[in-house]
Amino acid sequence: MARVEIRIDGRPVEDWLAGLSESMANAQFTLLASQDSGDTLREIIDVRTESPATIVERLCADAHVTSHDVLHRERRRLLVQFQIPISETYAVLRRAGIPPHYPVHLEAGWYTHEFSADQDRIDEYVAGLREANIPFEVLSVRDSPEQATVLTDRQQEFLAVAIEHGFYETPRECTLTELAEALEINASALSRLRHRTESRLVHAFMASGGGS
């Protein structure tokens, strides 16, 4: 297994989020989590920008965005969840069988992310990028250590199920009780899991400069 750091340009394949970041050249986007629903992708992003209202306006106005919810807002920061069609940049990663690893940084149309994979999957991913005409730069390749993530596996599972069942929609499409049944845990355990998950996301947001 190797750990790869790579930088890819989503603009040539009309990646919606890459296009948004290009149009807001001074904004810094950090993707914190996602849930793949087949044709669509729900993502949670942390945006550092002088104009949080502009991000919200774009989410409201763009036909690509089928839903969105502001999770936390500061004067120059925004934590938001939204749903968009699967982009070609994400589809190439998925076809190579490489699960996304967060955080992923995005600025001026360029994604920078790290992942761990065997050589065959790395080769398939690079070949897929070339076939899709997605510009990329491999920044580093090294032996894969244990990776620290924002959320634990269980917290990632909770978030994926919660998003899938519409728990974070406005209005909510399921109750805590229904979510607990879907995760096969009791309501008390679910409440603690939800608190830890949301706390980690907000602390990661704040630790990276939220509110500044």
N, C-alpha and C. Protein backbone atom coordinates (compact mmCIF):
# COMPACT_ATOMS: atom_id res chain seq x y z
N MET A 1 0.84 -1.20 0.00
CA MET A 1 0.00 0.00 0.00
C MET A 1 0.88 1.25 0.00
N ALA A 2 0.44 2.23 -0.74
CA ALA A 2 1.15 3.51 -0.78
C ALA A 2 0.16 4.62 -0.46
N ARG A 3 0.69 5.69 0.08
CA ARG A 3 -0.11 6.88 0.35
C ARG A 3 0.25 7.93 -0.70
N VAL A 4 -0.75 8.38 -1.42
CA VAL A 4 -0.55 9.29 -2.54
C VAL A 4 -1.18 10.64 -2.22
N GLU A 5 -0.44 11.69 -2.49
CA GLU A 5 -1.00 13.04 -2.45
C GLU A 5 -1.05 13.54 -3.89
N ILE A 6 -2.23 13.96 -4.32
CA ILE A 6 -2.42 14.33 -5.71
C ILE A 6 -3.24 15.60 -5.80
N ARG A 7 -3.02 16.34 -6.86
CA ARG A 7 -3.74 17.59 -7.12
C ARG A 7 -4.39 17.46 -8.48
N ILE A 8 -5.71 17.67 -8.56
CA ILE A 8 -6.41 17.52 -9.84
C ILE A 8 -7.27 18.75 -10.12
N ASP A 9 -7.42 19.05 -11.40
CA ASP A 9 -8.17 20.22 -11.85
C ASP A 9 -9.54 19.77 -12.35
N GLY A 10 -10.59 20.15 -11.63
CA GLY A 10 -11.93 19.72 -12.01
C GLY A 10 -12.60 20.56 -13.08
N ARG A 11 -12.00 21.68 -13.44
CA ARG A 11 -12.66 22.61 -14.37
C ARG A 11 -12.84 22.06 -15.78
N PRO A 12 -11.86 21.35 -16.37
CA PRO A 12 -12.04 20.87 -17.75
C PRO A 12 -13.20 19.89 -17.92
N VAL A 13 -13.64 19.23 -16.83
CA VAL A 13 -14.77 18.30 -16.93
C VAL A 13 -16.02 18.89 -16.31
N GLU A 14 -16.04 20.21 -16.19
CA GLU A 14 -17.21 20.94 -15.71
C GLU A 14 -17.68 20.45 -14.34
N ASP A 15 -16.74 20.18 -13.47
CA ASP A 15 -17.04 19.85 -12.08
C ASP A 15 -17.67 21.08 -11.43
N TRP A 16 -18.91 20.92 -10.93
CA TRP A 16 -19.65 22.08 -10.44
C TRP A 16 -18.94 22.77 -9.27
N LEU A 17 -18.47 21.99 -8.31
CA LEU A 17 -17.83 22.59 -7.15
C LEU A 17 -16.51 23.26 -7.52
N ALA A 18 -15.77 22.64 -8.43
CA ALA A 18 -14.52 23.25 -8.90
C ALA A 18 -14.83 24.58 -9.60
N GLY A 19 -15.91 24.60 -10.37
CA GLY A 19 -16.30 25.85 -11.03
C GLY A 19 -16.68 26.93 -10.03
N LEU A 20 -17.38 26.53 -8.96
CA LEU A 20 -17.74 27.49 -7.92
C LEU A 20 -16.49 28.06 -7.27
N SER A 21 -15.53 27.20 -6.98
CA SER A 21 -14.31 27.68 -6.33
C SER A 21 -13.50 28.58 -7.25
N GLU A 22 -13.53 28.29 -8.55
CA GLU A 22 -12.82 29.15 -9.50
C GLU A 22 -13.44 30.54 -9.52
N SER A 23 -14.77 30.60 -9.45
CA SER A 23 -15.45 31.89 -9.50
C SER A 23 -15.27 32.69 -8.21
N MET A 24 -14.82 32.00 -7.15
CA MET A 24 -14.56 32.67 -5.88
C MET A 24 -13.10 32.41 -5.52
N ALA A 25 -12.21 33.02 -6.28
CA ALA A 25 -10.79 32.69 -6.23
C ALA A 25 -10.16 32.88 -4.85
N ASN A 26 -10.74 33.73 -4.02
CA ASN A 26 -10.16 33.97 -2.70
C ASN A 26 -10.75 33.06 -1.62
N ALA A 27 -11.68 32.20 -2.00
CA ALA A 27 -12.29 31.29 -1.03
C ALA A 27 -11.51 29.98 -0.95
N GLN A 28 -11.49 29.39 0.24
CA GLN A 28 -10.84 28.10 0.46
C GLN A 28 -11.91 27.10 0.89
N PHE A 29 -12.04 26.01 0.13
CA PHE A 29 -13.04 24.98 0.40
C PHE A 29 -12.34 23.75 0.99
N THR A 30 -12.94 23.16 2.03
CA THR A 30 -12.46 21.91 2.57
C THR A 30 -13.62 20.94 2.65
N LEU A 31 -13.53 19.84 1.88
CA LEU A 31 -14.56 18.81 1.91
C LEU A 31 -14.29 17.90 3.10
N LEU A 32 -15.30 17.75 3.97
CA LEU A 32 -15.12 17.02 5.22
C LEU A 32 -15.72 15.61 5.18
N ALA A 33 -16.77 15.40 4.40
CA ALA A 33 -17.43 14.09 4.36
C ALA A 33 -18.33 14.05 3.14
N SER A 34 -18.67 12.83 2.71
CA SER A 34 -19.59 12.68 1.59
C SER A 34 -20.33 11.36 1.71
N GLN A 35 -21.45 11.28 0.99
CA GLN A 35 -22.23 10.06 0.92
C GLN A 35 -22.66 9.85 -0.52
N ASP A 36 -22.20 8.74 -1.09
CA ASP A 36 -22.44 8.41 -2.49
C ASP A 36 -23.77 7.70 -2.61
N SER A 37 -24.70 8.30 -3.37
CA SER A 37 -26.03 7.70 -3.55
C SER A 37 -26.21 7.12 -4.95
N GLY A 38 -25.13 6.93 -5.66
CA GLY A 38 -25.20 6.36 -7.00
C GLY A 38 -25.10 7.42 -8.07
N ASP A 39 -26.16 8.19 -8.25
CA ASP A 39 -26.15 9.27 -9.25
C ASP A 39 -25.83 10.62 -8.63
N THR A 40 -26.00 10.72 -7.31
CA THR A 40 -25.77 11.99 -6.63
C THR A 40 -24.80 11.82 -5.48
N LEU A 41 -24.25 12.93 -5.04
CA LEU A 41 -23.29 12.93 -3.95
C LEU A 41 -23.71 13.99 -2.95
N ARG A 42 -23.86 13.60 -1.69
CA ARG A 42 -24.10 14.56 -0.62
C ARG A 42 -22.76 14.85 0.04
N GLU A 43 -22.44 16.11 0.17
CA GLU A 43 -21.15 16.50 0.73
C GLU A 43 -21.33 17.51 1.84
N ILE A 44 -20.39 17.48 2.78
CA ILE A 44 -20.31 18.51 3.82
C ILE A 44 -19.00 19.24 3.59
N ILE A 45 -19.10 20.56 3.42
CA ILE A 45 -17.90 21.35 3.16
C ILE A 45 -17.79 22.51 4.14
N ASP A 46 -16.56 22.84 4.42
CA ASP A 46 -16.20 24.00 5.23
C ASP A 46 -15.61 25.02 4.27
N VAL A 47 -16.18 26.21 4.23
CA VAL A 47 -15.71 27.24 3.30
C VAL A 47 -15.21 28.44 4.08
N ARG A 48 -13.99 28.84 3.81
CA ARG A 48 -13.46 30.10 4.35
C ARG A 48 -13.59 31.15 3.25
N THR A 49 -14.37 32.16 3.51
CA THR A 49 -14.65 33.17 2.49
C THR A 49 -15.07 34.47 3.15
N GLU A 50 -14.83 35.56 2.44
CA GLU A 50 -15.30 36.85 2.90
C GLU A 50 -16.79 37.02 2.63
N SER A 51 -17.37 36.12 1.83
CA SER A 51 -18.77 36.27 1.42
C SER A 51 -19.55 34.97 1.60
N PRO A 52 -19.81 34.54 2.85
CA PRO A 52 -20.62 33.32 3.05
C PRO A 52 -21.98 33.41 2.38
N ALA A 53 -22.56 34.62 2.36
CA ALA A 53 -23.89 34.77 1.75
C ALA A 53 -23.87 34.42 0.27
N THR A 54 -22.75 34.69 -0.40
CA THR A 54 -22.65 34.38 -1.83
C THR A 54 -22.71 32.87 -2.06
N ILE A 55 -22.05 32.10 -1.18
CA ILE A 55 -22.10 30.64 -1.29
C ILE A 55 -23.54 30.16 -1.17
N VAL A 56 -24.24 30.65 -0.17
CA VAL A 56 -25.63 30.24 0.05
C VAL A 56 -26.49 30.63 -1.15
N GLU A 57 -26.28 31.82 -1.67
CA GLU A 57 -27.05 32.26 -2.85
C GLU A 57 -26.81 31.34 -4.04
N ARG A 58 -25.55 30.95 -4.25
CA ARG A 58 -25.23 30.07 -5.37
C ARG A 58 -25.87 28.70 -5.18
N LEU A 59 -25.87 28.20 -3.96
CA LEU A 59 -26.50 26.91 -3.67
C LEU A 59 -28.00 26.97 -3.93
N CYS A 60 -28.61 28.08 -3.57
CA CYS A 60 -30.05 28.24 -3.77
C CYS A 60 -30.40 28.36 -5.25
N ALA A 61 -29.54 29.03 -6.00
CA ALA A 61 -29.88 29.39 -7.37
C ALA A 61 -29.53 28.33 -8.40
N ASP A 62 -28.52 27.50 -8.13
CA ASP A 62 -28.01 26.60 -9.16
C ASP A 62 -28.86 25.34 -9.28
N ALA A 63 -29.24 24.99 -10.50
CA ALA A 63 -30.08 23.83 -10.75
C ALA A 63 -29.38 22.51 -10.44
N HIS A 64 -28.04 22.52 -10.42
CA HIS A 64 -27.31 21.29 -10.09
C HIS A 64 -27.50 20.88 -8.63
N VAL A 65 -27.77 21.85 -7.77
CA VAL A 65 -27.89 21.59 -6.33
C VAL A 65 -29.33 21.22 -6.02
N THR A 66 -29.57 19.96 -5.68
CA THR A 66 -30.94 19.50 -5.44
C THR A 66 -31.39 19.73 -4.01
N SER A 67 -30.46 19.92 -3.07
CA SER A 67 -30.81 20.28 -1.71
C SER A 67 -29.58 20.84 -1.03
N HIS A 68 -29.79 21.66 0.01
CA HIS A 68 -28.67 22.17 0.79
C HIS A 68 -29.16 22.56 2.17
N ASP A 69 -28.23 22.58 3.13
CA ASP A 69 -28.56 22.94 4.51
C ASP A 69 -27.33 23.55 5.15
N VAL A 70 -27.46 24.75 5.66
CA VAL A 70 -26.36 25.40 6.38
C VAL A 70 -26.29 24.83 7.78
N LEU A 71 -25.19 24.17 8.11
CA LEU A 71 -25.04 23.52 9.41
C LEU A 71 -24.45 24.45 10.46
N HIS A 72 -23.60 25.38 10.04
CA HIS A 72 -22.96 26.31 10.97
C HIS A 72 -22.47 27.50 10.16
N ARG A 73 -22.59 28.67 10.76
CA ARG A 73 -22.20 29.87 10.02
C ARG A 73 -21.48 30.85 10.94
N GLU A 74 -20.37 31.39 10.45
CA GLU A 74 -19.61 32.43 11.13
C GLU A 74 -19.46 33.61 10.19
N ARG A 75 -18.80 34.64 10.65
CA ARG A 75 -18.70 35.85 9.83
C ARG A 75 -17.96 35.58 8.52
N ARG A 76 -16.91 34.77 8.59
CA ARG A 76 -16.14 34.47 7.37
C ARG A 76 -16.04 32.97 7.10
N ARG A 77 -16.91 32.20 7.71
CA ARG A 77 -16.85 30.75 7.53
C ARG A 77 -18.24 30.17 7.40
N LEU A 78 -18.32 29.04 6.72
CA LEU A 78 -19.60 28.38 6.48
C LEU A 78 -19.39 26.88 6.49
N LEU A 79 -20.25 26.17 7.21
CA LEU A 79 -20.27 24.72 7.17
C LEU A 79 -21.61 24.33 6.57
N VAL A 80 -21.58 23.69 5.42
CA VAL A 80 -22.82 23.45 4.69
C VAL A 80 -22.84 22.06 4.08
N GLN A 81 -24.03 21.47 4.06
CA GLN A 81 -24.26 20.19 3.39
C GLN A 81 -25.10 20.44 2.14
N PHE A 82 -24.76 19.73 1.05
CA PHE A 82 -25.55 19.90 -0.17
C PHE A 82 -25.46 18.63 -1.01
N GLN A 83 -26.37 18.53 -1.96
CA GLN A 83 -26.41 17.37 -2.86
C GLN A 83 -26.29 17.84 -4.29
N ILE A 84 -25.39 17.19 -5.05
CA ILE A 84 -25.16 17.51 -6.45
C ILE A 84 -24.97 16.20 -7.23
N PRO A 85 -25.08 16.23 -8.56
CA PRO A 85 -24.79 15.03 -9.35
C PRO A 85 -23.34 14.59 -9.18
N ILE A 86 -23.10 13.29 -9.35
CA ILE A 86 -21.74 12.76 -9.28
C ILE A 86 -20.89 13.43 -10.36
N SER A 87 -19.76 13.98 -9.98
CA SER A 87 -18.86 14.63 -10.93
C SER A 87 -17.92 13.59 -11.55
N GLU A 88 -17.34 13.94 -12.69
CA GLU A 88 -16.38 13.04 -13.33
C GLU A 88 -15.13 12.89 -12.47
N THR A 89 -14.75 13.94 -11.74
CA THR A 89 -13.57 13.84 -10.87
C THR A 89 -13.80 12.78 -9.80
N TYR A 90 -15.01 12.72 -9.25
CA TYR A 90 -15.33 11.71 -8.23
C TYR A 90 -15.52 10.34 -8.89
N ALA A 91 -16.16 10.31 -10.07
CA ALA A 91 -16.44 9.04 -10.73
C ALA A 91 -15.15 8.30 -11.09
N VAL A 92 -14.11 9.02 -11.48
CA VAL A 92 -12.83 8.37 -11.81
C VAL A 92 -12.26 7.68 -10.57
N LEU A 93 -12.35 8.34 -9.43
CA LEU A 93 -11.88 7.75 -8.17
C LEU A 93 -12.70 6.50 -7.83
N ARG A 94 -14.00 6.60 -8.02
CA ARG A 94 -14.89 5.47 -7.71
C ARG A 94 -14.62 4.29 -8.63
N ARG A 95 -14.41 4.55 -9.93
CA ARG A 95 -14.15 3.45 -10.87
C ARG A 95 -12.85 2.73 -10.55
N ALA A 96 -11.91 3.46 -9.96
CA ALA A 96 -10.64 2.82 -9.57
C ALA A 96 -10.77 2.03 -8.27
N GLY A 97 -11.93 2.10 -7.65
CA GLY A 97 -12.16 1.35 -6.40
C GLY A 97 -11.45 1.95 -5.21
N ILE A 98 -11.21 3.26 -5.25
CA ILE A 98 -10.52 3.95 -4.15
C ILE A 98 -11.55 4.75 -3.36
N PRO A 99 -11.77 4.42 -2.09
CA PRO A 99 -12.72 5.22 -1.30
C PRO A 99 -12.15 6.60 -1.03
N PRO A 100 -13.00 7.63 -1.06
CA PRO A 100 -12.50 8.98 -0.79
C PRO A 100 -12.02 9.11 0.65
N HIS A 101 -10.97 9.86 0.84
CA HIS A 101 -10.42 10.11 2.18
C HIS A 101 -10.45 11.61 2.43
N TYR A 102 -10.96 11.98 3.58
CA TYR A 102 -11.12 13.40 3.88
C TYR A 102 -10.19 13.82 5.01
N PRO A 103 -9.84 15.11 5.06
CA PRO A 103 -10.36 16.23 4.26
C PRO A 103 -9.75 16.30 2.86
N VAL A 104 -10.50 16.91 1.94
CA VAL A 104 -10.03 17.23 0.59
C VAL A 104 -10.07 18.75 0.46
N HIS A 105 -8.98 19.33 0.02
CA HIS A 105 -8.90 20.78 -0.09
C HIS A 105 -9.15 21.20 -1.54
N LEU A 106 -9.86 22.30 -1.71
CA LEU A 106 -10.20 22.80 -3.04
C LEU A 106 -9.99 24.30 -3.07
N GLU A 107 -9.23 24.74 -4.06
CA GLU A 107 -8.99 26.17 -4.22
C GLU A 107 -8.77 26.48 -5.70
N ALA A 108 -9.51 27.48 -6.20
CA ALA A 108 -9.38 27.94 -7.59
C ALA A 108 -9.51 26.79 -8.59
N GLY A 109 -10.41 25.85 -8.31
CA GLY A 109 -10.69 24.76 -9.24
C GLY A 109 -9.86 23.50 -9.04
N TRP A 110 -8.85 23.56 -8.19
CA TRP A 110 -7.94 22.43 -7.98
C TRP A 110 -8.22 21.73 -6.66
N TYR A 111 -8.46 20.41 -6.73
CA TYR A 111 -8.60 19.58 -5.53
C TYR A 111 -7.23 19.03 -5.14
N THR A 112 -6.94 19.05 -3.86
CA THR A 112 -5.75 18.38 -3.34
C THR A 112 -6.20 17.37 -2.29
N HIS A 113 -5.88 16.10 -2.52
CA HIS A 113 -6.31 15.08 -1.55
C HIS A 113 -5.28 13.97 -1.46
N GLU A 114 -5.40 13.19 -0.39
CA GLU A 114 -4.54 12.05 -0.16
C GLU A 114 -5.40 10.79 -0.05
N PHE A 115 -4.83 9.68 -0.46
CA PHE A 115 -5.51 8.40 -0.30
C PHE A 115 -4.47 7.30 -0.22
N SER A 116 -4.88 6.16 0.32
CA SER A 116 -4.02 4.98 0.38
C SER A 116 -4.59 3.90 -0.52
N ALA A 117 -3.75 3.26 -1.32
CA ALA A 117 -4.21 2.21 -2.24
C ALA A 117 -3.02 1.38 -2.68
N ASP A 118 -3.32 0.19 -3.24
CA ASP A 118 -2.24 -0.61 -3.80
C ASP A 118 -1.88 -0.06 -5.18
N GLN A 119 -0.78 -0.56 -5.73
CA GLN A 119 -0.27 0.01 -6.97
C GLN A 119 -1.24 -0.16 -8.13
N ASP A 120 -1.96 -1.29 -8.18
CA ASP A 120 -2.90 -1.50 -9.28
C ASP A 120 -3.99 -0.44 -9.29
N ARG A 121 -4.52 -0.11 -8.11
CA ARG A 121 -5.59 0.89 -8.03
C ARG A 121 -5.05 2.29 -8.34
N ILE A 122 -3.84 2.56 -7.89
CA ILE A 122 -3.22 3.85 -8.20
C ILE A 122 -3.05 3.99 -9.71
N ASP A 123 -2.53 2.93 -10.34
CA ASP A 123 -2.34 2.97 -11.80
C ASP A 123 -3.67 3.16 -12.52
N GLU A 124 -4.72 2.49 -12.02
CA GLU A 124 -6.04 2.61 -12.65
C GLU A 124 -6.59 4.03 -12.48
N TYR A 125 -6.37 4.61 -11.33
CA TYR A 125 -6.84 5.97 -11.08
C TYR A 125 -6.13 6.97 -12.00
N VAL A 126 -4.82 6.86 -12.10
CA VAL A 126 -4.05 7.77 -12.95
C VAL A 126 -4.46 7.59 -14.41
N ALA A 127 -4.65 6.35 -14.83
CA ALA A 127 -5.09 6.10 -16.21
C ALA A 127 -6.47 6.70 -16.45
N GLY A 128 -7.35 6.60 -15.45
CA GLY A 128 -8.68 7.16 -15.57
C GLY A 128 -8.66 8.67 -15.69
N LEU A 129 -7.79 9.32 -14.94
CA LEU A 129 -7.65 10.77 -15.03
C LEU A 129 -7.19 11.18 -16.42
N ARG A 130 -6.22 10.43 -16.96
CA ARG A 130 -5.72 10.75 -18.30
C ARG A 130 -6.80 10.53 -19.36
N GLU A 131 -7.55 9.43 -19.22
CA GLU A 131 -8.59 9.12 -20.19
C GLU A 131 -9.69 10.19 -20.17
N ALA A 132 -9.98 10.72 -18.99
CA ALA A 132 -11.03 11.74 -18.86
C ALA A 132 -10.50 13.15 -19.14
N ASN A 133 -9.21 13.25 -19.48
CA ASN A 133 -8.58 14.55 -19.75
C ASN A 133 -8.68 15.50 -18.56
N ILE A 134 -8.45 14.94 -17.37
CA ILE A 134 -8.43 15.73 -16.14
C ILE A 134 -6.97 16.02 -15.79
N PRO A 135 -6.55 17.28 -15.84
CA PRO A 135 -5.16 17.59 -15.48
C PRO A 135 -4.88 17.21 -14.02
N PHE A 136 -3.68 16.70 -13.77
CA PHE A 136 -3.34 16.31 -12.40
C PHE A 136 -1.84 16.43 -12.18
N GLU A 137 -1.47 16.53 -10.92
CA GLU A 137 -0.07 16.51 -10.49
C GLU A 137 0.04 15.58 -9.30
N VAL A 138 0.91 14.58 -9.39
CA VAL A 138 1.19 13.73 -8.24
C VAL A 138 2.22 14.44 -7.38
N LEU A 139 1.82 14.81 -6.17
CA LEU A 139 2.70 15.59 -5.30
C LEU A 139 3.65 14.72 -4.50
N SER A 140 3.18 13.53 -4.11
CA SER A 140 4.06 12.62 -3.36
C SER A 140 3.47 11.22 -3.36
N VAL A 141 4.36 10.22 -3.25
CA VAL A 141 3.97 8.82 -3.08
C VAL A 141 4.90 8.25 -2.02
N ARG A 142 4.32 7.69 -0.97
CA ARG A 142 5.14 7.16 0.11
C ARG A 142 4.42 6.00 0.78
N ASP A 143 5.15 5.26 1.63
CA ASP A 143 4.52 4.17 2.37
C ASP A 143 3.36 4.71 3.19
N SER A 144 2.29 3.92 3.28
CA SER A 144 1.06 4.39 3.93
C SER A 144 1.10 4.13 5.43
N PRO A 145 1.12 5.18 6.25
CA PRO A 145 0.99 5.02 7.69
C PRO A 145 -0.48 4.98 8.07
N GLU A 146 -0.75 4.81 9.36
CA GLU A 146 -2.13 4.97 9.82
C GLU A 146 -2.55 6.41 9.61
N GLN A 147 -3.76 6.61 9.11
CA GLN A 147 -4.22 7.94 8.78
C GLN A 147 -5.23 8.44 9.81
N ALA A 148 -5.07 9.68 10.23
CA ALA A 148 -6.04 10.31 11.11
C ALA A 148 -7.16 10.90 10.27
N THR A 149 -8.40 10.65 10.67
CA THR A 149 -9.54 11.18 9.95
C THR A 149 -10.39 12.02 10.88
N VAL A 150 -11.20 12.87 10.29
CA VAL A 150 -12.07 13.72 11.09
C VAL A 150 -13.06 12.86 11.86
N LEU A 151 -13.65 11.85 11.22
CA LEU A 151 -14.66 11.00 11.84
C LEU A 151 -14.19 9.56 11.93
N THR A 152 -14.63 8.85 12.97
CA THR A 152 -14.38 7.42 13.06
C THR A 152 -15.26 6.69 12.05
N ASP A 153 -14.99 5.40 11.85
CA ASP A 153 -15.80 4.61 10.92
C ASP A 153 -17.28 4.61 11.34
N ARG A 154 -17.52 4.48 12.65
CA ARG A 154 -18.90 4.46 13.14
C ARG A 154 -19.58 5.82 12.92
N GLN A 155 -18.82 6.88 13.13
CA GLN A 155 -19.39 8.22 12.92
C GLN A 155 -19.66 8.46 11.43
N GLN A 156 -18.76 7.97 10.57
CA GLN A 156 -19.00 8.06 9.12
C GLN A 156 -20.27 7.29 8.75
N GLU A 157 -20.46 6.11 9.37
CA GLU A 157 -21.65 5.31 9.10
C GLU A 157 -22.90 6.06 9.54
N PHE A 158 -22.86 6.63 10.75
CA PHE A 158 -24.01 7.42 11.23
C PHE A 158 -24.34 8.54 10.25
N LEU A 159 -23.31 9.28 9.83
CA LEU A 159 -23.53 10.43 8.95
C LEU A 159 -24.13 9.98 7.62
N ALA A 160 -23.60 8.89 7.06
CA ALA A 160 -24.11 8.39 5.78
C ALA A 160 -25.57 7.97 5.89
N VAL A 161 -25.92 7.25 6.96
CA VAL A 161 -27.30 6.80 7.15
C VAL A 161 -28.22 7.98 7.42
N ALA A 162 -27.75 8.93 8.24
CA ALA A 162 -28.56 10.12 8.54
C ALA A 162 -28.86 10.92 7.28
N ILE A 163 -27.85 11.08 6.43
CA ILE A 163 -28.05 11.81 5.18
C ILE A 163 -28.99 11.03 4.26
N GLU A 164 -28.78 9.73 4.16
CA GLU A 164 -29.60 8.89 3.28
C GLU A 164 -31.07 8.96 3.68
N HIS A 165 -31.35 9.00 5.00
CA HIS A 165 -32.73 9.01 5.48
C HIS A 165 -33.32 10.42 5.60
N GLY A 166 -32.55 11.42 5.21
CA GLY A 166 -33.07 12.77 5.22
C GLY A 166 -33.13 13.43 6.58
N PHE A 167 -32.31 12.95 7.52
CA PHE A 167 -32.34 13.51 8.88
C PHE A 167 -31.91 14.98 8.89
N TYR A 168 -31.00 15.35 7.96
CA TYR A 168 -30.50 16.72 7.93
C TYR A 168 -31.21 17.58 6.88
N GLU A 169 -32.30 17.05 6.32
CA GLU A 169 -33.09 17.87 5.41
C GLU A 169 -33.92 18.87 6.22
N THR A 170 -34.42 19.89 5.54
CA THR A 170 -35.32 20.86 6.17
C THR A 170 -36.62 20.90 5.38
N PRO A 171 -37.74 20.40 5.95
CA PRO A 171 -37.85 19.78 7.27
C PRO A 171 -37.28 18.36 7.26
N ARG A 172 -37.02 17.84 8.44
CA ARG A 172 -36.46 16.49 8.55
C ARG A 172 -37.42 15.45 7.99
N GLU A 173 -36.81 14.43 7.37
CA GLU A 173 -37.61 13.37 6.76
C GLU A 173 -37.64 12.11 7.59
N CYS A 174 -36.94 12.10 8.73
CA CYS A 174 -37.02 10.97 9.65
C CYS A 174 -36.76 11.45 11.06
N THR A 175 -37.20 10.69 12.03
CA THR A 175 -37.01 11.03 13.44
C THR A 175 -35.77 10.33 13.99
N LEU A 176 -35.36 10.74 15.19
CA LEU A 176 -34.24 10.07 15.85
C LEU A 176 -34.57 8.59 16.09
N THR A 177 -35.82 8.31 16.41
CA THR A 177 -36.22 6.92 16.65
C THR A 177 -36.08 6.09 15.38
N GLU A 178 -36.52 6.65 14.26
CA GLU A 178 -36.41 5.93 12.99
C GLU A 178 -34.95 5.75 12.59
N LEU A 179 -34.13 6.75 12.89
CA LEU A 179 -32.70 6.65 12.58
C LEU A 179 -32.04 5.59 13.45
N ALA A 180 -32.44 5.53 14.72
CA ALA A 180 -31.91 4.51 15.62
C ALA A 180 -32.26 3.11 15.12
N GLU A 181 -33.48 2.94 14.62
CA GLU A 181 -33.88 1.64 14.08
C GLU A 181 -33.04 1.27 12.86
N ALA A 182 -32.77 2.26 12.00
CA ALA A 182 -31.97 2.00 10.80
C ALA A 182 -30.55 1.58 11.16
N LEU A 183 -30.01 2.15 12.24
CA LEU A 183 -28.65 1.83 12.67
C LEU A 183 -28.61 0.68 13.68
N GLU A 184 -29.80 0.20 14.06
CA GLU A 184 -29.94 -0.94 14.98
C GLU A 184 -29.28 -0.66 16.33
N ILE A 185 -29.52 0.55 16.85
CA ILE A 185 -29.07 0.90 18.20
C ILE A 185 -30.22 1.60 18.91
N ASN A 186 -30.11 1.73 20.24
CA ASN A 186 -31.19 2.40 20.96
C ASN A 186 -31.06 3.91 20.85
N ALA A 187 -32.12 4.60 21.19
CA ALA A 187 -32.17 6.05 21.01
C ALA A 187 -31.11 6.77 21.83
N SER A 188 -30.82 6.26 23.03
CA SER A 188 -29.83 6.90 23.88
C SER A 188 -28.44 6.81 23.26
N ALA A 189 -28.10 5.61 22.74
CA ALA A 189 -26.80 5.43 22.09
C ALA A 189 -26.70 6.28 20.83
N LEU A 190 -27.81 6.37 20.10
CA LEU A 190 -27.81 7.19 18.89
C LEU A 190 -27.59 8.66 19.23
N SER A 191 -28.22 9.12 20.30
CA SER A 191 -28.05 10.52 20.70
C SER A 191 -26.60 10.83 21.00
N ARG A 192 -25.92 9.90 21.70
CA ARG A 192 -24.50 10.10 22.00
C ARG A 192 -23.66 10.07 20.74
N LEU A 193 -23.96 9.13 19.83
CA LEU A 193 -23.22 9.02 18.57
C LEU A 193 -23.41 10.28 17.73
N ARG A 194 -24.63 10.77 17.67
CA ARG A 194 -24.91 11.99 16.90
C ARG A 194 -24.12 13.17 17.49
N HIS A 195 -24.14 13.29 18.81
CA HIS A 195 -23.44 14.40 19.46
C HIS A 195 -21.95 14.35 19.17
N ARG A 196 -21.34 13.15 19.27
CA ARG A 196 -19.90 13.03 19.01
C ARG A 196 -19.57 13.34 17.56
N THR A 197 -20.41 12.87 16.64
CA THR A 197 -20.18 13.13 15.21
C THR A 197 -20.23 14.61 14.90
N GLU A 198 -21.32 15.25 15.33
CA GLU A 198 -21.48 16.67 15.04
C GLU A 198 -20.42 17.50 15.77
N SER A 199 -20.04 17.06 16.98
CA SER A 199 -19.01 17.78 17.73
C SER A 199 -17.67 17.71 17.00
N ARG A 200 -17.33 16.53 16.47
CA ARG A 200 -16.07 16.40 15.74
C ARG A 200 -16.04 17.28 14.49
N LEU A 201 -17.16 17.32 13.77
CA LEU A 201 -17.22 18.13 12.57
C LEU A 201 -17.06 19.61 12.90
N VAL A 202 -17.76 20.07 13.94
CA VAL A 202 -17.68 21.48 14.30
C VAL A 202 -16.30 21.81 14.86
N HIS A 203 -15.71 20.90 15.67
CA HIS A 203 -14.37 21.15 16.21
C HIS A 203 -13.33 21.18 15.09
N ALA A 204 -13.48 20.29 14.10
CA ALA A 204 -12.56 20.31 12.96
C ALA A 204 -12.69 21.62 12.20
N PHE A 205 -13.93 22.08 12.07
CA PHE A 205 -14.20 23.36 11.42
C PHE A 205 -13.52 24.50 12.16
N MET A 206 -13.69 24.52 13.50
CA MET A 206 -13.13 25.60 14.30
C MET A 206 -11.60 25.51 14.38
N ALA A 207 -11.07 24.27 14.46
CA ALA A 207 -9.63 24.10 14.57
C ALA A 207 -8.89 24.58 13.33
N SER A 208 -9.61 24.55 12.19
CA SER A 208 -8.97 25.01 10.95
C SER A 208 -9.18 26.49 10.73
N GLY A 209 -9.69 27.16 11.78
CA GLY A 209 -9.79 28.63 11.71
C GLY A 209 -11.19 29.15 11.64
N GLY A 210 -12.18 28.32 11.98
CA GLY A 210 -13.57 28.75 11.93
C GLY A 210 -13.81 29.98 12.77
N GLY A 211 -14.58 30.89 12.22
CA GLY A 211 -14.92 32.11 12.94
C GLY A 211 -13.90 33.20 12.83
N SER A 212 -12.76 32.91 12.18
CA SER A 212 -11.73 33.94 12.06
C SER A 212 -11.97 34.78 10.82
